[in-house]
């Protein structure tokens, strides 16, 4: 059984966000959406008095939603959410029990407008929460890029990376602004991040022209190095420069996605990785070949992004198309008993 777990506590690693403000904002938004889901779940459960008879505050529970029910909730086809007996069923499972026993089934035979609203809110929040979790997973997939430590000598590349860093700093500052000023400040950060990303994209595509001319056979590489004393130095410099620029390019896409999420522009948020997808497709095999020549391509090369481009592209597709919801048989949300009855 494929299961999508929405748990805000463990999925984010310490090295994903190097800005505490941005990390805190991400977690705050994630927790807010989780709480809204829990509130709506509580609205579908029995009265609070009866709830305290079956829920223990100190235990960890999961609410499970079959995939087809979630899909029908998203489509607004409420009549298809009924069980065979004509009822809606949601499940509360005791995760601390070895067999994960279902401790309570919630059955609703009558769907009034209030219930429909709560169910639709749960659906919308699950989709939104899953998108945010997928963003964290994208960051995890490519976190190894952050391990690259090189010295960029080309001033042009340094300036473009600095533009991205400025955009990130502006976003960090905007998240600390009062709500009235936040929107305009985030828009300013978005403009800077777009500028840096677009400039880096031009550089990376230009650098690929040199990389494409690097011979692939050992014999050709040998003769190339004989007649060009600086060949290996150039390969090494190109590899390092591309990696560092790619890191900044990818980070620009990440922070753009976060910025769009902050201003509730989901369409732009889901398009934030379209350009990096194209770049991964075009460059992964070329950088892999270059890594066998470049001195700095040794060591942790097996951890690098260009080793598993298909997995990374699949992650991007999941993020953009929300196929992680389609591939899951069951959607589960973890929470403490105290959160539900509190």
Foldseek 3Di string as FASTA:
>chain_A
DFEAEQELPPLFDPLLDPDPLLVVVLSVVLVVLLLLLLVLVLVLDDDLVVLPVQADQFFKKKKKDFLVLLVCLQVVVVQVQADPVQWHWIFIFGPVDPVRDGRDIRTDNDDDPVNNVSSNSNSVSLLVSLLSSLLSVLSVLAVVLVVQDDDQPDPQLVVLLVLLVVLVVLLSVLSPDPPVCNLVSLVVSLVSLVSSLVSLLVVLVVLVVVLVPQDQDPVVNVVVCVVPVCVQVVLQNSLSSNSVSLVSNVVSLSVSLSSCVVVPNNLVNLCSCVSVLVVLVPPLVSSVSSLVRHPVSPDCVCSHCSVCSVVSSVSSCCSNVVCSSVPGRMYMYMDGSSSNSD
